[in-house]
N, C-alpha and C. Protein backbone atom coordinates (compact mmCIF):
# COMPACT_ATOMS: atom_id res chain seq x y z
N UNK A 1 79.63 47.71 85.60
CA UNK A 1 79.01 49.00 85.30
C UNK A 1 78.16 48.94 84.03
N UNK A 2 78.64 48.25 82.98
CA UNK A 2 77.92 48.21 81.72
C UNK A 2 76.55 47.57 81.87
N UNK A 3 76.41 46.66 82.81
CA UNK A 3 75.12 46.01 83.01
C UNK A 3 74.10 46.92 83.67
N UNK A 4 74.53 48.13 84.10
CA UNK A 4 73.62 49.09 84.72
C UNK A 4 73.08 50.10 83.71
N UNK A 5 73.46 49.95 82.42
CA UNK A 5 73.03 50.88 81.39
C UNK A 5 71.52 50.95 81.27
N UNK A 6 71.00 52.18 81.07
CA UNK A 6 69.58 52.37 80.82
C UNK A 6 69.32 52.71 79.35
N UNK A 7 70.28 53.39 78.69
CA UNK A 7 70.14 53.77 77.29
C UNK A 7 71.41 53.39 76.55
N UNK A 8 71.23 52.95 75.29
CA UNK A 8 72.39 52.53 74.51
C UNK A 8 72.10 52.73 73.02
N UNK A 9 73.08 53.28 72.29
CA UNK A 9 73.00 53.41 70.84
C UNK A 9 74.13 52.60 70.23
N UNK A 10 73.83 51.79 69.23
CA UNK A 10 74.82 50.96 68.57
C UNK A 10 74.89 51.35 67.09
N UNK A 11 76.08 51.73 66.62
CA UNK A 11 76.31 52.09 65.23
C UNK A 11 77.23 51.04 64.60
N UNK A 12 76.80 50.43 63.52
CA UNK A 12 77.64 49.48 62.80
C UNK A 12 78.24 50.21 61.60
N UNK A 13 79.55 50.42 61.62
CA UNK A 13 80.19 51.19 60.55
C UNK A 13 81.05 50.32 59.63
N UNK A 14 81.39 49.12 60.09
CA UNK A 14 82.20 48.23 59.26
C UNK A 14 81.89 46.78 59.62
N UNK A 15 81.76 45.93 58.61
CA UNK A 15 81.40 44.54 58.82
C UNK A 15 82.60 43.64 58.52
N UNK A 16 82.93 42.78 59.46
CA UNK A 16 83.99 41.80 59.26
C UNK A 16 83.45 40.40 59.41
N UNK A 17 84.31 39.41 59.19
CA UNK A 17 83.87 38.02 59.29
C UNK A 17 83.46 37.65 60.71
N UNK A 18 83.95 38.38 61.69
CA UNK A 18 83.66 38.07 63.07
C UNK A 18 82.59 38.99 63.66
N UNK A 19 81.75 39.58 62.80
CA UNK A 19 80.76 40.56 63.25
C UNK A 19 79.79 39.96 64.28
N UNK A 20 79.32 38.75 64.02
CA UNK A 20 78.35 38.12 64.91
C UNK A 20 78.95 37.87 66.29
N UNK A 21 80.20 37.36 66.32
CA UNK A 21 80.82 37.06 67.61
C UNK A 21 81.07 38.34 68.40
N UNK A 22 81.40 39.43 67.71
CA UNK A 22 81.60 40.70 68.40
C UNK A 22 80.28 41.24 68.93
N UNK A 23 79.22 41.04 68.17
CA UNK A 23 77.89 41.48 68.63
C UNK A 23 77.48 40.73 69.89
N UNK A 24 77.79 39.44 69.93
CA UNK A 24 77.45 38.63 71.11
C UNK A 24 78.18 39.13 72.35
N UNK A 25 79.39 39.69 72.16
CA UNK A 25 80.17 40.18 73.29
C UNK A 25 79.52 41.39 73.96
N UNK A 26 78.60 42.04 73.27
CA UNK A 26 77.88 43.16 73.88
C UNK A 26 77.00 42.67 75.04
N UNK A 27 76.63 41.39 74.99
CA UNK A 27 75.87 40.73 76.07
C UNK A 27 74.64 41.55 76.48
N UNK A 28 73.87 41.98 75.49
CA UNK A 28 72.67 42.76 75.80
C UNK A 28 71.67 41.96 76.62
N UNK A 29 71.69 40.65 76.47
CA UNK A 29 70.74 39.80 77.21
C UNK A 29 70.95 39.89 78.72
N UNK A 30 72.16 40.33 79.13
CA UNK A 30 72.47 40.45 80.56
C UNK A 30 72.15 41.84 81.11
N UNK A 31 71.83 42.77 80.23
CA UNK A 31 71.60 44.15 80.67
C UNK A 31 70.11 44.34 80.99
N UNK A 32 69.74 43.89 82.18
CA UNK A 32 68.34 43.89 82.59
C UNK A 32 67.77 45.28 82.74
N UNK A 33 68.62 46.27 83.00
CA UNK A 33 68.14 47.64 83.21
C UNK A 33 68.11 48.47 81.93
N UNK A 34 68.57 47.89 80.83
CA UNK A 34 68.56 48.61 79.56
C UNK A 34 67.12 48.75 79.08
N UNK A 35 66.63 49.99 79.06
CA UNK A 35 65.24 50.23 78.69
C UNK A 35 65.09 50.87 77.31
N UNK A 36 66.16 51.52 76.80
CA UNK A 36 66.07 52.20 75.51
C UNK A 36 67.27 51.82 74.65
N UNK A 37 66.99 51.34 73.44
CA UNK A 37 68.04 50.89 72.53
C UNK A 37 67.83 51.49 71.15
N UNK A 38 68.92 52.04 70.57
CA UNK A 38 68.89 52.55 69.21
C UNK A 38 69.87 51.73 68.38
N UNK A 39 69.40 51.25 67.22
CA UNK A 39 70.24 50.43 66.35
C UNK A 39 70.39 51.11 65.00
N UNK A 40 71.63 51.34 64.59
CA UNK A 40 71.93 51.91 63.28
C UNK A 40 72.88 50.93 62.60
N UNK A 41 72.33 50.13 61.69
CA UNK A 41 73.08 48.98 61.18
C UNK A 41 73.70 49.26 59.82
N UNK A 42 74.19 48.20 59.16
CA UNK A 42 74.99 48.34 57.95
C UNK A 42 74.18 48.60 56.70
N UNK A 43 72.92 48.19 56.70
CA UNK A 43 72.10 48.32 55.50
C UNK A 43 72.09 47.05 54.66
N UNK A 44 72.94 46.08 55.01
CA UNK A 44 72.94 44.78 54.34
C UNK A 44 71.95 43.87 55.07
N UNK A 45 70.86 43.50 54.41
CA UNK A 45 69.78 42.77 55.07
C UNK A 45 70.26 41.48 55.72
N UNK A 46 71.03 40.68 54.97
CA UNK A 46 71.46 39.38 55.49
C UNK A 46 72.39 39.54 56.68
N UNK A 47 73.33 40.46 56.57
CA UNK A 47 74.28 40.70 57.64
C UNK A 47 73.58 41.27 58.87
N UNK A 48 72.69 42.23 58.66
CA UNK A 48 72.00 42.86 59.78
C UNK A 48 71.12 41.87 60.52
N UNK A 49 70.51 40.94 59.80
CA UNK A 49 69.68 39.93 60.44
C UNK A 49 70.52 39.07 61.39
N UNK A 50 71.73 38.73 60.96
CA UNK A 50 72.63 37.93 61.80
C UNK A 50 73.04 38.73 63.03
N UNK A 51 73.34 40.02 62.83
CA UNK A 51 73.77 40.87 63.94
C UNK A 51 72.65 41.06 64.96
N UNK A 52 71.43 41.28 64.48
CA UNK A 52 70.30 41.46 65.38
C UNK A 52 70.10 40.21 66.22
N UNK A 53 70.19 39.05 65.58
CA UNK A 53 70.02 37.79 66.30
C UNK A 53 71.11 37.62 67.34
N UNK A 54 72.32 38.05 67.02
CA UNK A 54 73.45 37.91 67.94
C UNK A 54 73.33 38.87 69.11
N UNK A 55 72.77 40.05 68.89
CA UNK A 55 72.67 41.05 69.95
C UNK A 55 71.70 40.61 71.05
N UNK A 56 70.55 40.07 70.67
CA UNK A 56 69.58 39.53 71.63
C UNK A 56 69.36 40.45 72.84
N UNK A 57 68.66 41.57 72.67
CA UNK A 57 68.40 42.45 73.82
C UNK A 57 67.56 41.76 74.88
N UNK A 58 67.72 42.18 76.11
CA UNK A 58 66.98 41.59 77.23
C UNK A 58 65.49 41.85 77.07
N UNK A 59 64.68 40.95 77.57
CA UNK A 59 63.23 41.07 77.40
C UNK A 59 62.64 42.25 78.16
N UNK A 60 63.41 42.89 79.03
CA UNK A 60 62.92 44.07 79.76
C UNK A 60 62.98 45.35 78.92
N UNK A 61 63.55 45.27 77.71
CA UNK A 61 63.67 46.45 76.85
C UNK A 61 62.29 47.08 76.61
N UNK A 62 62.22 48.42 76.82
CA UNK A 62 60.94 49.12 76.71
C UNK A 62 60.83 49.97 75.44
N UNK A 63 61.96 50.45 74.90
CA UNK A 63 61.91 51.35 73.76
C UNK A 63 63.01 50.99 72.77
N UNK A 64 62.63 50.90 71.50
CA UNK A 64 63.60 50.55 70.46
C UNK A 64 63.41 51.44 69.25
N UNK A 65 64.51 52.00 68.78
CA UNK A 65 64.54 52.78 67.55
C UNK A 65 65.45 52.04 66.59
N UNK A 66 64.88 51.54 65.49
CA UNK A 66 65.67 50.72 64.57
C UNK A 66 65.65 51.30 63.17
N UNK A 67 66.79 51.25 62.51
CA UNK A 67 66.88 51.69 61.12
C UNK A 67 67.42 50.55 60.26
N UNK A 68 67.13 49.33 60.69
CA UNK A 68 67.67 48.17 59.99
C UNK A 68 66.57 47.16 59.72
N UNK A 69 66.96 45.90 59.60
CA UNK A 69 66.00 44.83 59.35
C UNK A 69 65.13 44.61 60.58
N UNK A 70 64.04 43.87 60.41
CA UNK A 70 63.10 43.67 61.50
C UNK A 70 63.28 42.31 62.15
N UNK A 71 63.84 42.27 63.35
CA UNK A 71 63.91 41.02 64.09
C UNK A 71 62.53 40.71 64.68
N UNK A 72 62.34 39.54 65.29
CA UNK A 72 61.03 39.20 65.88
C UNK A 72 60.78 39.96 67.18
N UNK A 73 60.53 41.26 67.06
CA UNK A 73 60.40 42.13 68.22
C UNK A 73 59.16 41.84 69.04
N UNK A 74 58.19 41.17 68.46
CA UNK A 74 56.98 40.85 69.19
C UNK A 74 57.23 39.97 70.40
N UNK A 75 58.41 39.38 70.47
CA UNK A 75 58.75 38.52 71.61
C UNK A 75 59.15 39.31 72.85
N UNK A 76 59.40 40.61 72.69
CA UNK A 76 59.85 41.40 73.84
C UNK A 76 58.64 41.83 74.67
N UNK A 77 58.44 41.24 75.84
CA UNK A 77 57.21 41.49 76.60
C UNK A 77 57.09 42.87 77.21
N UNK A 78 58.22 43.59 77.39
CA UNK A 78 58.19 44.90 78.04
C UNK A 78 58.27 46.06 77.06
N UNK A 79 58.39 45.78 75.77
CA UNK A 79 58.56 46.84 74.78
C UNK A 79 57.30 47.71 74.71
N UNK A 80 57.48 49.01 74.99
CA UNK A 80 56.35 49.95 75.02
C UNK A 80 56.36 50.94 73.87
N UNK A 81 57.55 51.28 73.38
CA UNK A 81 57.68 52.26 72.30
C UNK A 81 58.57 51.67 71.21
N UNK A 82 58.09 51.69 69.97
CA UNK A 82 58.87 51.17 68.86
C UNK A 82 58.85 52.17 67.71
N UNK A 83 60.05 52.56 67.26
CA UNK A 83 60.18 53.47 66.13
C UNK A 83 60.99 52.78 65.04
N UNK A 84 60.42 52.67 63.87
CA UNK A 84 61.12 52.11 62.72
C UNK A 84 61.34 53.24 61.72
N UNK A 85 62.58 53.71 61.61
CA UNK A 85 62.87 54.87 60.76
C UNK A 85 64.38 55.13 60.70
N UNK A 86 64.91 55.61 59.57
CA UNK A 86 64.38 55.34 58.24
C UNK A 86 64.88 53.98 57.79
N UNK A 87 64.11 53.28 56.98
CA UNK A 87 64.51 51.97 56.46
C UNK A 87 64.16 51.97 54.98
N UNK A 88 65.12 52.32 54.16
CA UNK A 88 64.85 52.61 52.76
C UNK A 88 64.51 51.37 51.92
N UNK A 89 64.99 50.20 52.33
CA UNK A 89 64.78 49.00 51.52
C UNK A 89 63.68 48.09 52.07
N UNK A 90 63.07 48.45 53.17
CA UNK A 90 62.04 47.60 53.76
C UNK A 90 60.78 47.61 52.89
N UNK A 91 60.40 46.45 52.36
CA UNK A 91 59.24 46.35 51.47
C UNK A 91 58.02 45.76 52.16
N UNK A 92 58.24 44.98 53.22
CA UNK A 92 57.10 44.30 53.85
C UNK A 92 57.34 44.09 55.34
N UNK A 93 56.32 44.31 56.13
CA UNK A 93 56.32 43.93 57.53
C UNK A 93 55.43 42.71 57.62
N UNK A 94 56.06 41.55 57.87
CA UNK A 94 55.33 40.29 57.83
C UNK A 94 55.28 39.58 59.16
N UNK A 95 54.87 38.32 59.11
CA UNK A 95 54.60 37.56 60.33
C UNK A 95 55.85 37.36 61.18
N UNK A 96 57.04 37.33 60.54
CA UNK A 96 58.27 37.12 61.30
C UNK A 96 58.50 38.23 62.32
N UNK A 97 58.09 39.44 61.98
CA UNK A 97 58.25 40.61 62.84
C UNK A 97 57.53 40.42 64.18
N UNK A 98 56.44 39.66 64.17
CA UNK A 98 55.61 39.49 65.36
C UNK A 98 56.12 38.40 66.30
N UNK A 99 57.12 37.63 65.86
CA UNK A 99 57.72 36.64 66.73
C UNK A 99 56.78 35.52 67.12
N UNK A 100 55.90 35.14 66.22
CA UNK A 100 54.89 34.12 66.53
C UNK A 100 55.47 32.73 66.35
N UNK A 101 55.35 31.92 67.39
CA UNK A 101 55.75 30.52 67.34
C UNK A 101 54.59 29.65 67.81
N UNK A 102 54.82 28.37 67.87
CA UNK A 102 53.73 27.43 68.15
C UNK A 102 53.02 27.72 69.46
N UNK A 103 53.76 28.11 70.49
CA UNK A 103 53.18 28.32 71.81
C UNK A 103 52.88 29.79 72.11
N UNK A 104 52.98 30.65 71.11
CA UNK A 104 52.78 32.08 71.33
C UNK A 104 51.33 32.41 71.68
N UNK A 105 51.15 33.19 72.75
CA UNK A 105 49.81 33.64 73.14
C UNK A 105 49.63 35.12 72.86
N UNK A 106 50.74 35.87 72.86
CA UNK A 106 50.64 37.32 72.68
C UNK A 106 51.87 37.85 71.95
N UNK A 107 51.66 38.82 71.08
CA UNK A 107 52.74 39.48 70.36
C UNK A 107 52.69 40.97 70.66
N UNK A 108 53.81 41.53 71.03
CA UNK A 108 53.89 42.93 71.46
C UNK A 108 52.87 43.20 72.58
N UNK A 109 52.91 42.45 73.67
CA UNK A 109 51.87 42.57 74.70
C UNK A 109 51.83 43.92 75.42
N UNK A 110 52.95 44.67 75.44
CA UNK A 110 53.00 45.94 76.17
C UNK A 110 53.13 47.16 75.26
N UNK A 111 53.21 46.96 73.96
CA UNK A 111 53.49 48.07 73.04
C UNK A 111 52.35 49.09 73.06
N UNK A 112 52.71 50.35 73.37
CA UNK A 112 51.72 51.42 73.43
C UNK A 112 51.84 52.41 72.29
N UNK A 113 53.08 52.60 71.77
CA UNK A 113 53.31 53.58 70.71
C UNK A 113 54.13 52.95 69.59
N UNK A 114 53.62 53.07 68.37
CA UNK A 114 54.31 52.55 67.20
C UNK A 114 54.44 53.66 66.16
N UNK A 115 55.68 53.91 65.72
CA UNK A 115 55.94 54.95 64.73
C UNK A 115 56.63 54.34 63.53
N UNK A 116 56.02 54.49 62.36
CA UNK A 116 56.63 54.07 61.11
C UNK A 116 56.93 55.34 60.32
N UNK A 117 58.19 55.61 60.06
CA UNK A 117 58.55 56.85 59.40
C UNK A 117 59.64 56.71 58.36
N UNK A 118 59.46 57.37 57.23
CA UNK A 118 60.44 57.38 56.16
C UNK A 118 60.78 55.96 55.72
N UNK A 119 59.74 55.25 55.30
CA UNK A 119 59.89 53.89 54.77
C UNK A 119 59.40 53.91 53.32
N UNK A 120 60.22 54.42 52.40
CA UNK A 120 59.77 54.67 51.03
C UNK A 120 59.44 53.43 50.22
N UNK A 121 59.93 52.26 50.63
CA UNK A 121 59.69 51.04 49.85
C UNK A 121 58.60 50.16 50.46
N UNK A 122 58.12 50.51 51.64
CA UNK A 122 57.15 49.66 52.33
C UNK A 122 55.82 49.64 51.58
N UNK A 123 55.40 48.43 51.16
CA UNK A 123 54.14 48.26 50.45
C UNK A 123 53.13 47.44 51.24
N UNK A 124 53.61 46.49 52.03
CA UNK A 124 52.70 45.59 52.74
C UNK A 124 53.00 45.58 54.23
N UNK A 125 51.94 45.57 55.00
CA UNK A 125 52.04 45.38 56.44
C UNK A 125 50.91 44.44 56.83
N UNK A 126 51.26 43.21 57.16
CA UNK A 126 50.24 42.21 57.46
C UNK A 126 50.79 41.19 58.43
N UNK A 127 49.87 40.53 59.09
CA UNK A 127 50.25 39.50 60.04
C UNK A 127 50.56 38.19 59.32
N UNK A 128 50.22 38.14 58.05
CA UNK A 128 50.45 36.94 57.25
C UNK A 128 49.13 36.28 56.90
N UNK A 129 49.03 35.75 55.70
CA UNK A 129 47.79 35.14 55.25
C UNK A 129 47.35 34.02 56.18
N UNK A 130 48.30 33.16 56.55
CA UNK A 130 47.96 32.03 57.40
C UNK A 130 47.48 32.51 58.76
N UNK A 131 48.14 33.55 59.30
CA UNK A 131 47.79 34.05 60.62
C UNK A 131 46.43 34.72 60.64
N UNK A 132 46.03 35.32 59.52
CA UNK A 132 44.76 36.03 59.48
C UNK A 132 43.63 35.17 58.91
N UNK A 133 43.93 33.90 58.65
CA UNK A 133 42.92 32.98 58.16
C UNK A 133 41.96 32.64 59.29
N UNK A 134 40.70 32.96 59.11
CA UNK A 134 39.71 32.76 60.18
C UNK A 134 39.53 31.31 60.56
N UNK A 135 39.95 30.40 59.67
CA UNK A 135 39.78 28.98 59.98
C UNK A 135 40.89 28.45 60.87
N UNK A 136 41.92 29.24 61.10
CA UNK A 136 43.05 28.81 61.91
C UNK A 136 42.81 29.27 63.35
N UNK A 137 42.29 28.39 64.19
CA UNK A 137 41.90 28.77 65.55
C UNK A 137 43.08 29.14 66.41
N UNK A 138 44.24 28.50 66.19
CA UNK A 138 45.41 28.81 67.01
C UNK A 138 45.87 30.23 66.74
N UNK A 139 45.87 30.64 65.46
CA UNK A 139 46.28 31.98 65.12
C UNK A 139 45.26 33.01 65.61
N UNK A 140 43.99 32.66 65.55
CA UNK A 140 42.95 33.60 65.99
C UNK A 140 43.06 33.90 67.48
N UNK A 141 43.61 32.96 68.26
CA UNK A 141 43.69 33.15 69.70
C UNK A 141 44.86 34.03 70.13
N UNK A 142 45.74 34.39 69.22
CA UNK A 142 46.90 35.21 69.55
C UNK A 142 46.47 36.67 69.71
N UNK A 143 46.89 37.25 70.82
CA UNK A 143 46.62 38.66 71.07
C UNK A 143 47.76 39.49 70.49
N UNK A 144 47.43 40.41 69.57
CA UNK A 144 48.44 41.20 68.88
C UNK A 144 48.31 42.67 69.26
N UNK A 145 49.37 43.23 69.83
CA UNK A 145 49.40 44.64 70.22
C UNK A 145 48.14 45.06 70.99
N UNK A 146 47.79 44.35 72.04
CA UNK A 146 46.53 44.65 72.75
C UNK A 146 46.51 46.00 73.46
N UNK A 147 47.70 46.60 73.69
CA UNK A 147 47.77 47.88 74.42
C UNK A 147 48.10 49.06 73.51
N UNK A 148 48.13 48.85 72.20
CA UNK A 148 48.54 49.93 71.29
C UNK A 148 47.54 51.08 71.35
N UNK A 149 48.04 52.26 71.73
CA UNK A 149 47.18 53.44 71.84
C UNK A 149 47.52 54.53 70.83
N UNK A 150 48.78 54.55 70.32
CA UNK A 150 49.19 55.59 69.38
C UNK A 150 49.90 54.97 68.19
N UNK A 151 49.40 55.28 67.00
CA UNK A 151 50.01 54.80 65.75
C UNK A 151 50.28 55.99 64.85
N UNK A 152 51.55 56.19 64.50
CA UNK A 152 51.95 57.29 63.62
C UNK A 152 52.60 56.70 62.38
N UNK A 153 52.10 57.08 61.22
CA UNK A 153 52.65 56.63 59.94
C UNK A 153 52.98 57.88 59.12
N UNK A 154 54.26 58.07 58.84
CA UNK A 154 54.68 59.24 58.09
C UNK A 154 55.66 58.85 56.98
N UNK A 155 55.44 59.42 55.82
CA UNK A 155 56.35 59.22 54.68
C UNK A 155 56.52 57.74 54.35
N UNK A 156 55.39 57.08 54.17
CA UNK A 156 55.36 55.71 53.68
C UNK A 156 54.53 55.72 52.39
N UNK A 157 55.09 56.23 51.29
CA UNK A 157 54.32 56.55 50.09
C UNK A 157 53.71 55.36 49.36
N UNK A 158 54.19 54.13 49.62
CA UNK A 158 53.66 52.96 48.92
C UNK A 158 52.70 52.13 49.77
N UNK A 159 52.62 52.43 51.05
CA UNK A 159 51.75 51.66 51.94
C UNK A 159 50.29 52.02 51.66
N UNK A 160 49.45 50.99 51.45
CA UNK A 160 48.07 51.22 51.03
C UNK A 160 47.04 50.99 52.12
N UNK A 161 47.35 50.15 53.10
CA UNK A 161 46.34 49.85 54.11
C UNK A 161 46.97 49.33 55.40
N UNK A 162 46.16 49.32 56.46
CA UNK A 162 46.56 48.79 57.75
C UNK A 162 46.30 47.29 57.78
N UNK A 163 47.04 46.54 58.60
CA UNK A 163 46.77 45.11 58.72
C UNK A 163 45.42 44.85 59.37
N UNK A 164 44.84 43.69 59.09
CA UNK A 164 43.49 43.38 59.55
C UNK A 164 43.36 43.42 61.06
N UNK A 165 44.40 42.98 61.79
CA UNK A 165 44.27 42.94 63.25
C UNK A 165 44.11 44.32 63.86
N UNK A 166 44.65 45.36 63.20
CA UNK A 166 44.53 46.72 63.72
C UNK A 166 43.12 47.28 63.52
N UNK A 167 42.40 46.73 62.58
CA UNK A 167 41.07 47.22 62.27
C UNK A 167 40.00 46.60 63.16
N UNK A 168 40.41 45.73 64.05
CA UNK A 168 39.44 45.01 64.87
C UNK A 168 39.31 45.62 66.26
N UNK A 169 40.00 45.08 67.24
CA UNK A 169 39.73 45.49 68.62
C UNK A 169 40.89 46.22 69.30
N UNK A 170 41.82 46.76 68.53
CA UNK A 170 42.94 47.49 69.12
C UNK A 170 42.43 48.82 69.69
N UNK A 171 42.78 49.15 70.95
CA UNK A 171 42.24 50.35 71.60
C UNK A 171 42.99 51.64 71.23
N UNK A 172 43.08 51.94 69.94
CA UNK A 172 43.80 53.14 69.51
C UNK A 172 43.14 54.40 70.05
N UNK A 173 43.97 55.32 70.53
CA UNK A 173 43.52 56.63 70.97
C UNK A 173 44.00 57.73 70.05
N UNK A 174 45.11 57.47 69.35
CA UNK A 174 45.71 58.48 68.47
C UNK A 174 46.14 57.81 67.16
N UNK A 175 45.71 58.39 66.05
CA UNK A 175 46.09 57.89 64.73
C UNK A 175 46.53 59.06 63.86
N UNK A 176 47.76 59.00 63.38
CA UNK A 176 48.27 60.00 62.47
C UNK A 176 48.80 59.31 61.23
N UNK A 177 48.29 59.69 60.07
CA UNK A 177 48.80 59.20 58.79
C UNK A 177 49.12 60.42 57.94
N UNK A 178 50.40 60.59 57.62
CA UNK A 178 50.85 61.84 56.98
C UNK A 178 51.81 61.53 55.85
N UNK A 179 51.59 62.19 54.72
CA UNK A 179 52.49 62.08 53.57
C UNK A 179 52.70 60.62 53.16
N UNK A 180 51.61 59.89 53.06
CA UNK A 180 51.63 58.50 52.61
C UNK A 180 50.61 58.41 51.47
N UNK A 181 51.04 58.82 50.29
CA UNK A 181 50.15 59.14 49.18
C UNK A 181 49.28 57.99 48.71
N UNK A 182 49.73 56.74 48.87
CA UNK A 182 48.98 55.61 48.35
C UNK A 182 47.94 55.07 49.32
N UNK A 183 47.92 55.62 50.53
CA UNK A 183 47.06 55.06 51.56
C UNK A 183 45.59 55.21 51.18
N UNK A 184 44.84 54.11 51.29
CA UNK A 184 43.45 54.08 50.87
C UNK A 184 42.48 54.43 51.98
N UNK A 185 41.24 53.97 51.83
CA UNK A 185 40.17 54.35 52.75
C UNK A 185 40.17 53.49 54.01
N UNK A 186 39.58 54.05 55.06
CA UNK A 186 39.36 53.34 56.32
C UNK A 186 37.87 53.45 56.63
N UNK A 187 37.33 52.41 57.23
CA UNK A 187 35.89 52.41 57.47
C UNK A 187 35.51 53.47 58.51
N UNK A 188 34.30 54.02 58.36
CA UNK A 188 33.80 54.98 59.34
C UNK A 188 33.72 54.36 60.72
N UNK A 189 33.39 53.09 60.77
CA UNK A 189 33.26 52.40 62.06
C UNK A 189 34.60 52.37 62.78
N UNK A 190 35.69 52.12 62.04
CA UNK A 190 37.02 52.08 62.62
C UNK A 190 37.43 53.47 63.10
N UNK A 191 37.25 54.47 62.25
CA UNK A 191 37.63 55.84 62.59
C UNK A 191 36.85 56.35 63.80
N UNK A 192 35.59 55.97 63.90
CA UNK A 192 34.73 56.49 64.98
C UNK A 192 35.19 56.02 66.36
N UNK A 193 35.98 54.95 66.42
CA UNK A 193 36.45 54.43 67.71
C UNK A 193 37.67 55.17 68.23
N UNK A 194 38.29 56.02 67.41
CA UNK A 194 39.56 56.65 67.76
C UNK A 194 39.32 58.11 68.12
N UNK A 195 39.63 58.53 69.34
CA UNK A 195 39.37 59.92 69.75
C UNK A 195 40.13 60.97 68.95
N UNK A 196 41.38 60.69 68.60
CA UNK A 196 42.22 61.68 67.93
C UNK A 196 42.74 61.13 66.61
N UNK A 197 42.29 61.74 65.52
CA UNK A 197 42.65 61.27 64.18
C UNK A 197 43.13 62.44 63.32
N UNK A 198 44.24 62.23 62.64
CA UNK A 198 44.70 63.21 61.66
C UNK A 198 45.22 62.46 60.44
N UNK A 199 44.60 62.69 59.31
CA UNK A 199 45.00 62.03 58.07
C UNK A 199 45.18 63.11 57.01
N UNK A 200 46.39 63.24 56.49
CA UNK A 200 46.64 64.27 55.49
C UNK A 200 47.78 63.82 54.58
N UNK A 201 47.77 64.35 53.36
CA UNK A 201 48.80 63.99 52.40
C UNK A 201 48.69 62.56 51.94
N UNK A 202 47.44 62.04 51.83
CA UNK A 202 47.21 60.68 51.37
C UNK A 202 46.13 60.70 50.30
N UNK A 203 45.79 59.52 49.75
CA UNK A 203 44.70 59.42 48.79
C UNK A 203 43.36 59.29 49.50
N UNK A 204 43.40 59.27 50.83
CA UNK A 204 42.19 59.16 51.64
C UNK A 204 41.44 60.49 51.58
N UNK A 205 40.23 60.47 51.05
CA UNK A 205 39.52 61.72 50.81
C UNK A 205 38.27 61.90 51.66
N UNK A 206 37.89 60.89 52.46
CA UNK A 206 36.71 61.02 53.30
C UNK A 206 37.08 61.76 54.58
N UNK A 207 36.32 62.76 54.95
CA UNK A 207 36.57 63.52 56.17
C UNK A 207 36.46 62.59 57.37
N UNK A 208 37.55 62.40 58.16
CA UNK A 208 37.47 61.49 59.32
C UNK A 208 36.51 62.00 60.37
N UNK A 209 36.17 63.28 60.36
CA UNK A 209 35.24 63.83 61.35
C UNK A 209 33.83 63.83 60.76
N UNK A 210 33.39 62.65 60.31
CA UNK A 210 32.06 62.53 59.70
C UNK A 210 30.98 62.73 60.76
N UNK A 211 29.73 62.89 60.32
CA UNK A 211 28.65 63.29 61.21
C UNK A 211 28.34 62.28 62.30
N UNK A 212 28.75 61.01 62.10
CA UNK A 212 28.44 60.00 63.12
C UNK A 212 29.47 59.96 64.23
N UNK A 213 30.52 60.76 64.11
CA UNK A 213 31.60 60.74 65.09
C UNK A 213 31.24 61.63 66.29
N UNK A 214 31.56 61.16 67.49
CA UNK A 214 31.29 61.93 68.70
C UNK A 214 32.41 62.93 68.94
């Protein structure tokens, strides 16, 4: 019966020496029908990283709400909705989050909605210097979030900018940036490609509905 689950919430309230082995017993990798997963972890970065690795959700997972450390979620080919909230100690979203390895061709290939909320310590969000180096042809060939249509950023007061890959050819249809006071400017060319834009409570002062916008 447990392998027929469609939705599951996991709360970690106490950590013991056998935490990883108990997490493995959940056998999430066998739950092919599990489409929505919520993780509420201990808050200890090192411990939570071990637990996430032990849980290993099935690649068919479509929606994840996490309030813990960031596992290499880019490896999940069916993930369509991702919510990261709240994560008080998260300072950087880096290349590990994208699950990029030597043979990787795509990261987050099905992700359509990404929500970053209540991340008070987040300062950097990037694919990584090496990954964004134009001279690295292998990294340039990786498709990152090719289906992303909605990006919501709320209450990320230290985040200053979007990663370079998002400013290029991502087909965004909806962009909301709210109560993220340090967020800087975005090019008119980037904004003009997005049908629905709302930016408020930031240091961004240029009207997104400039005269060149349709």
